[in-house]
């Protein structure tokens, strides 16, 4: 993942906060990549969201 943080000229320069923001943004990038992979894998086995109401993941519900 990749993340950056930039300090505005009027902000107090606190490098730790910038580091935390950059790390959080990188983790969010990794999470998005993992979700795209999981979505692709789910669709490949017929368990993707498919536009049906509900949580959108898992095997399709069939009534007993």
PDB file of N, CA and C in Angstrom:
ATOM      1  N   UNK A   1       0.818  -1.182   0.000  1.00  0.00           N
ATOM      2  CA  UNK A   1       0.000   0.000   0.000  1.00  0.00           C
ATOM      3  C   UNK A   1       0.864   1.248   0.000  1.00  0.00           C
ATOM      4  N   UNK A   2       0.239   2.350  -0.305  1.00  0.00           N
ATOM      5  CA  UNK A   2       0.946   3.612  -0.384  1.00  0.00           C
ATOM      6  C   UNK A   2       0.117   4.675   0.306  1.00  0.00           C
ATOM      7  N   UNK A   3       0.758   5.479   1.129  1.00  0.00           N
ATOM      8  CA  UNK A   3       0.055   6.569   1.803  1.00  0.00           C
ATOM      9  C   UNK A   3       0.976   7.742   2.036  1.00  0.00           C
ATOM     10  N   UNK A   4       0.437   8.943   1.948  1.00  0.00           N
ATOM     11  CA  UNK A   4       1.216  10.153   2.188  1.00  0.00           C
ATOM     12  C   UNK A   4       0.454  11.088   3.106  1.00  0.00           C
ATOM     13  N   UNK A   5       1.171  12.034   3.654  1.00  0.00           N
ATOM     14  CA  UNK A   5       0.561  13.095   4.457  1.00  0.00           C
ATOM     15  C   UNK A   5       1.395  14.351   4.249  1.00  0.00           C
ATOM     16  N   UNK A   6       0.733  15.467   4.113  1.00  0.00           N
ATOM     17  CA  UNK A   6       1.415  16.744   3.907  1.00  0.00           C
ATOM     18  C   UNK A   6       0.891  17.755   4.916  1.00  0.00           C
ATOM     19  N   UNK A   7       1.781  18.559   5.422  1.00  0.00           N
ATOM     20  CA  UNK A   7       1.441  19.571   6.406  1.00  0.00           C
ATOM     21  C   UNK A   7       1.088  20.878   5.700  1.00  0.00           C
ATOM     22  N   UNK A   8      -0.041  21.461   6.057  1.00  0.00           N
ATOM     23  CA  UNK A   8      -0.403  22.774   5.528  1.00  0.00           C
ATOM     24  C   UNK A   8       0.491  23.831   6.165  1.00  0.00           C
ATOM     25  N   UNK A   9       0.751  24.925   5.469  1.00  0.00           N
ATOM     26  CA  UNK A   9       1.633  25.959   6.020  1.00  0.00           C
ATOM     27  C   UNK A   9       1.169  26.505   7.377  1.00  0.00           C
ATOM     28  N   UNK A  10      -0.132  26.561   7.611  1.00  0.00           N
ATOM     29  CA  UNK A  10      -0.626  27.101   8.886  1.00  0.00           C
ATOM     30  C   UNK A  10      -0.657  26.058  10.003  1.00  0.00           C
ATOM     31  N   UNK A  11      -0.418  24.772   9.706  1.00  0.00           N
ATOM     32  CA  UNK A  11      -0.441  23.719  10.721  1.00  0.00           C
ATOM     33  C   UNK A  11       0.870  23.659  11.495  1.00  0.00           C
ATOM     34  N   UNK A  12       0.772  23.189  12.732  1.00  0.00           N
ATOM     35  CA  UNK A  12       1.965  22.924  13.542  1.00  0.00           C
ATOM     36  C   UNK A  12       2.623  21.674  12.979  1.00  0.00           C
ATOM     37  N   UNK A  13       3.935  21.690  12.830  1.00  0.00           N
ATOM     38  CA  UNK A  13       4.658  20.549  12.281  1.00  0.00           C
ATOM     39  C   UNK A  13       4.864  19.496  13.369  1.00  0.00           C
ATOM     40  N   UNK A  14       4.092  18.407  13.296  1.00  0.00           N
ATOM     41  CA  UNK A  14       4.227  17.293  14.238  1.00  0.00           C
ATOM     42  C   UNK A  14       4.430  16.038  13.389  1.00  0.00           C
ATOM     43  N   UNK A  15       5.692  15.665  13.146  1.00  0.00           N
ATOM     44  CA  UNK A  15       5.977  14.543  12.245  1.00  0.00           C
ATOM     45  C   UNK A  15       5.260  13.247  12.598  1.00  0.00           C
ATOM     46  N   UNK A  16       5.067  12.987  13.881  1.00  0.00           N
ATOM     47  CA  UNK A  16       4.411  11.732  14.284  1.00  0.00           C
ATOM     48  C   UNK A  16       2.994  11.649  13.716  1.00  0.00           C
ATOM     49  N   UNK A  17       2.267  12.762  13.720  1.00  0.00           N
ATOM     50  CA  UNK A  17       0.906  12.764  13.184  1.00  0.00           C
ATOM     51  C   UNK A  17       0.940  12.474  11.685  1.00  0.00           C
ATOM     52  N   UNK A  18       1.872  13.073  10.976  1.00  0.00           N
ATOM     53  CA  UNK A  18       2.018  12.803   9.550  1.00  0.00           C
ATOM     54  C   UNK A  18       2.330  11.339   9.290  1.00  0.00           C
ATOM     55  N   UNK A  19       3.211  10.768  10.121  1.00  0.00           N
ATOM     56  CA  UNK A  19       3.545   9.350   9.983  1.00  0.00           C
ATOM     57  C   UNK A  19       2.316   8.472  10.199  1.00  0.00           C
ATOM     58  N   UNK A  20       1.522   8.812  11.211  1.00  0.00           N
ATOM     59  CA  UNK A  20       0.309   8.037  11.497  1.00  0.00           C
ATOM     60  C   UNK A  20      -0.685   8.129  10.346  1.00  0.00           C
ATOM     61  N   UNK A  21      -0.863   9.338   9.811  1.00  0.00           N
ATOM     62  CA  UNK A  21      -1.773   9.508   8.678  1.00  0.00           C
ATOM     63  C   UNK A  21      -1.298   8.725   7.461  1.00  0.00           C
ATOM     64  N   UNK A  22      -0.016   8.820   7.155  1.00  0.00           N
ATOM     65  CA  UNK A  22       0.523   8.105   6.003  1.00  0.00           C
ATOM     66  C   UNK A  22       0.370   6.599   6.179  1.00  0.00           C
ATOM     67  N   UNK A  23       0.656   6.084   7.376  1.00  0.00           N
ATOM     68  CA  UNK A  23       0.518   4.649   7.635  1.00  0.00           C
ATOM     69  C   UNK A  23      -0.937   4.210   7.513  1.00  0.00           C
ATOM     70  N   UNK A  24      -1.861   4.988   8.049  1.00  0.00           N
ATOM     71  CA  UNK A  24      -3.285   4.651   7.967  1.00  0.00           C
ATOM     72  C   UNK A  24      -3.754   4.644   6.515  1.00  0.00           C
ATOM     73  N   UNK A  25      -3.294   5.610   5.734  1.00  0.00           N
ATOM     74  CA  UNK A  25      -3.684   5.662   4.321  1.00  0.00           C
ATOM     75  C   UNK A  25      -3.101   4.482   3.552  1.00  0.00           C
ATOM     76  N   UNK A  26      -1.886   4.067   3.893  1.00  0.00           N
ATOM     77  CA  UNK A  26      -1.291   2.893   3.248  1.00  0.00           C
ATOM     78  C   UNK A  26      -2.077   1.636   3.602  1.00  0.00           C
ATOM     79  N   UNK A  27      -2.488   1.509   4.865  1.00  0.00           N
ATOM     80  CA  UNK A  27      -3.277   0.341   5.273  1.00  0.00           C
ATOM     81  C   UNK A  27      -4.637   0.327   4.580  1.00  0.00           C
ATOM     82  N   UNK A  28      -5.240   1.509   4.420  1.00  0.00           N
ATOM     83  CA  UNK A  28      -6.517   1.593   3.720  1.00  0.00           C
ATOM     84  C   UNK A  28      -6.331   1.157   2.262  1.00  0.00           C
ATOM     85  N   UNK A  29      -5.206   1.526   1.654  1.00  0.00           N
ATOM     86  CA  UNK A  29      -4.905   1.113   0.292  1.00  0.00           C
ATOM     87  C   UNK A  29      -4.796  -0.410   0.201  1.00  0.00           C
ATOM     88  N   UNK A  30      -4.104  -1.024   1.150  1.00  0.00           N
ATOM     89  CA  UNK A  30      -3.968  -2.477   1.173  1.00  0.00           C
ATOM     90  C   UNK A  30      -5.334  -3.136   1.366  1.00  0.00           C
ATOM     91  N   UNK A  31      -6.157  -2.585   2.259  1.00  0.00           N
ATOM     92  CA  UNK A  31      -7.492  -3.145   2.502  1.00  0.00           C
ATOM     93  C   UNK A  31      -8.332  -3.106   1.225  1.00  0.00           C
ATOM     94  N   UNK A  32      -8.263  -2.006   0.485  1.00  0.00           N
ATOM     95  CA  UNK A  32      -9.011  -1.919  -0.780  1.00  0.00           C
ATOM     96  C   UNK A  32      -8.526  -2.962  -1.774  1.00  0.00           C
ATOM     97  N   UNK A  33      -7.210  -3.146  -1.848  1.00  0.00           N
ATOM     98  CA  UNK A  33      -6.665  -4.149  -2.763  1.00  0.00           C
ATOM     99  C   UNK A  33      -7.147  -5.549  -2.380  1.00  0.00           C
ATOM    100  N   UNK A  34      -7.136  -5.845  -1.088  1.00  0.00           N
ATOM    101  CA  UNK A  34      -7.595  -7.158  -0.619  1.00  0.00           C
ATOM    102  C   UNK A  34      -9.083  -7.360  -0.903  1.00  0.00           C
ATOM    103  N   UNK A  35      -9.893  -6.309  -0.720  1.00  0.00           N
ATOM    104  CA  UNK A  35     -11.332  -6.430  -1.004  1.00  0.00           C
ATOM    105  C   UNK A  35     -11.572  -6.673  -2.491  1.00  0.00           C
ATOM    106  N   UNK A  36     -10.817  -5.992  -3.356  1.00  0.00           N
ATOM    107  CA  UNK A  36     -10.965  -6.224  -4.795  1.00  0.00           C
ATOM    108  C   UNK A  36     -10.622  -7.670  -5.138  1.00  0.00           C
ATOM    109  N   UNK A  37      -9.538  -8.201  -4.556  1.00  0.00           N
ATOM    110  CA  UNK A  37      -9.162  -9.589  -4.790  1.00  0.00           C
ATOM    111  C   UNK A  37     -10.233 -10.551  -4.277  1.00  0.00           C
ATOM    112  N   UNK A  38     -10.724 -10.297  -3.059  1.00  0.00           N
ATOM    113  CA  UNK A  38     -11.761 -11.161  -2.489  1.00  0.00           C
ATOM    114  C   UNK A  38     -13.028 -11.113  -3.336  1.00  0.00           C
ATOM    115  N   UNK A  39     -13.437  -9.926  -3.778  1.00  0.00           N
ATOM    116  CA  UNK A  39     -14.613  -9.799  -4.639  1.00  0.00           C
ATOM    117  C   UNK A  39     -14.434 -10.601  -5.924  1.00  0.00           C
ATOM    118  N   UNK A  40     -13.260 -10.487  -6.517  1.00  0.00           N
ATOM    119  CA  UNK A  40     -12.968 -11.210  -7.753  1.00  0.00           C
ATOM    120  C   UNK A  40     -13.015 -12.716  -7.518  1.00  0.00           C
ATOM    121  N   UNK A  41     -12.407 -13.171  -6.427  1.00  0.00           N
ATOM    122  CA  UNK A  41     -12.411 -14.597  -6.104  1.00  0.00           C
ATOM    123  C   UNK A  41     -13.818 -15.108  -5.819  1.00  0.00           C
ATOM    124  N   UNK A  42     -14.617 -14.312  -5.104  1.00  0.00           N
ATOM    125  CA  UNK A  42     -15.996 -14.706  -4.816  1.00  0.00           C
ATOM    126  C   UNK A  42     -16.807 -14.823  -6.103  1.00  0.00           C
ATOM    127  N   UNK A  43     -16.662 -13.859  -6.981  1.00  0.00           N
ATOM    128  CA  UNK A  43     -17.383 -13.906  -8.246  1.00  0.00           C
ATOM    129  C   UNK A  43     -16.955 -15.107  -9.073  1.00  0.00           C
ATOM    130  N   UNK A  44     -15.677 -15.467  -9.013  1.00  0.00           N
ATOM    131  CA  UNK A  44     -15.161 -16.602  -9.779  1.00  0.00           C
ATOM    132  C   UNK A  44     -15.789 -17.923  -9.348  1.00  0.00           C
ATOM    133  N   UNK A  45     -16.232 -18.006  -8.092  1.00  0.00           N
ATOM    134  CA  UNK A  45     -16.857 -19.236  -7.616  1.00  0.00           C
ATOM    135  C   UNK A  45     -18.370 -19.084  -7.494  1.00  0.00           C
ATOM    136  N   UNK A  46     -18.911 -18.024  -8.055  1.00  0.00           N
ATOM    137  CA  UNK A  46     -20.362 -17.838  -8.064  1.00  0.00           C
ATOM    138  C   UNK A  46     -20.946 -17.309  -6.780  1.00  0.00           C
ATOM    139  N   UNK A  47     -20.136 -16.655  -5.955  1.00  0.00           N
ATOM    140  CA  UNK A  47     -20.644 -16.167  -4.675  1.00  0.00           C
ATOM    141  C   UNK A  47     -20.484 -14.663  -4.532  1.00  0.00           C
ATOM    142  N   UNK A  48     -20.395 -13.938  -5.631  1.00  0.00           N
ATOM    143  CA  UNK A  48     -20.226 -12.495  -5.571  1.00  0.00           C
ATOM    144  C   UNK A  48     -21.499 -11.789  -5.181  1.00  0.00           C
ATOM    145  N   UNK A  49     -21.448 -10.465  -5.011  1.00  0.00           N
ATOM    146  CA  UNK A  49     -22.608  -9.688  -4.588  1.00  0.00           C
ATOM    147  C   UNK A  49     -23.800  -9.830  -5.529  1.00  0.00           C
ATOM    148  N   UNK A  50     -23.588  -9.773  -6.824  1.00  0.00           N
ATOM    149  CA  UNK A  50     -24.654 -10.013  -7.785  1.00  0.00           C
ATOM    150  C   UNK A  50     -25.852  -9.084  -7.703  1.00  0.00           C
ATOM    151  N   UNK A  51     -25.788  -7.987  -6.981  1.00  0.00           N
ATOM    152  CA  UNK A  51     -26.880  -7.025  -6.918  1.00  0.00           C
ATOM    153  C   UNK A  51     -28.057  -7.450  -6.051  1.00  0.00           C
ATOM    154  N   UNK A  52     -27.972  -8.573  -5.391  1.00  0.00           N
ATOM    155  CA  UNK A  52     -29.074  -9.031  -4.533  1.00  0.00           C
ATOM    156  C   UNK A  52     -29.049  -8.269  -3.213  1.00  0.00           C
ATOM    157  N   UNK A  53     -30.225  -8.027  -2.615  1.00  0.00           N
ATOM    158  CA  UNK A  53     -30.237  -7.370  -1.306  1.00  0.00           C
ATOM    159  C   UNK A  53     -29.602  -8.251  -0.240  1.00  0.00           C
ATOM    160  N   UNK A  54     -29.124  -7.652   0.812  1.00  0.00           N
ATOM    161  CA  UNK A  54     -28.511  -8.403   1.901  1.00  0.00           C
ATOM    162  C   UNK A  54     -27.059  -8.012   2.053  1.00  0.00           C
ATOM    163  N   UNK A  55     -26.288  -8.818   2.769  1.00  0.00           N
ATOM    164  CA  UNK A  55     -24.915  -8.450   3.052  1.00  0.00           C
ATOM    165  C   UNK A  55     -24.034  -8.381   1.809  1.00  0.00           C
ATOM    166  N   UNK A  56     -24.373  -9.135   0.744  1.00  0.00           N
ATOM    167  CA  UNK A  56     -23.621  -9.041  -0.486  1.00  0.00           C
ATOM    168  C   UNK A  56     -22.464 -10.014  -0.608  1.00  0.00           C
ATOM    169  N   UNK A  57     -22.214 -10.827   0.386  1.00  0.00           N
ATOM    170  CA  UNK A  57     -21.120 -11.784   0.303  1.00  0.00           C
ATOM    171  C   UNK A  57     -21.612 -13.145   0.756  1.00  0.00           C
ATOM    172  N   UNK A  58     -20.883 -14.175   0.332  1.00  0.00           N
ATOM    173  CA  UNK A  58     -21.221 -15.528   0.731  1.00  0.00           C
ATOM    174  C   UNK A  58     -21.994 -16.243  -0.359  1.00  0.00           C
ATOM    175  N   UNK A  59     -22.433 -17.435  -0.059  1.00  0.00           N
ATOM    176  CA  UNK A  59     -23.159 -18.236  -1.031  1.00  0.00           C
ATOM    177  C   UNK A  59     -24.599 -17.748  -1.131  1.00  0.00           C
ATOM    178  N   UNK A  60     -25.174 -17.868  -2.316  1.00  0.00           N
ATOM    179  CA  UNK A  60     -26.573 -17.425  -2.483  1.00  0.00           C
ATOM    180  C   UNK A  60     -27.498 -18.201  -1.555  1.00  0.00           C
ATOM    181  N   UNK A  61     -28.499 -17.523  -1.018  1.00  0.00           N
ATOM    182  CA  UNK A  61     -29.460 -18.162  -0.125  1.00  0.00           C
ATOM    183  C   UNK A  61     -30.487 -18.927  -0.941  1.00  0.00           C
ATOM    184  N   UNK A  62     -30.733 -20.158  -0.551  1.00  0.00           N
ATOM    185  CA  UNK A  62     -31.806 -20.930  -1.163  1.00  0.00           C
ATOM    186  C   UNK A  62     -32.707 -21.421  -0.029  1.00  0.00           C
ATOM    187  N   UNK A  63     -33.989 -21.237  -0.210  1.00  0.00           N
ATOM    188  CA  UNK A  63     -34.945 -21.645   0.830  1.00  0.00           C
ATOM    189  C   UNK A  63     -34.946 -23.152   0.959  1.00  0.00           C
ATOM    190  N   UNK A  64     -35.135 -23.670   2.185  1.00  0.00           N
ATOM    191  CA  UNK A  64     -35.161 -25.128   2.401  1.00  0.00           C
ATOM    192  C   UNK A  64     -36.359 -25.773   1.767  1.00  0.00           C
TER     193      UNK A  64
END
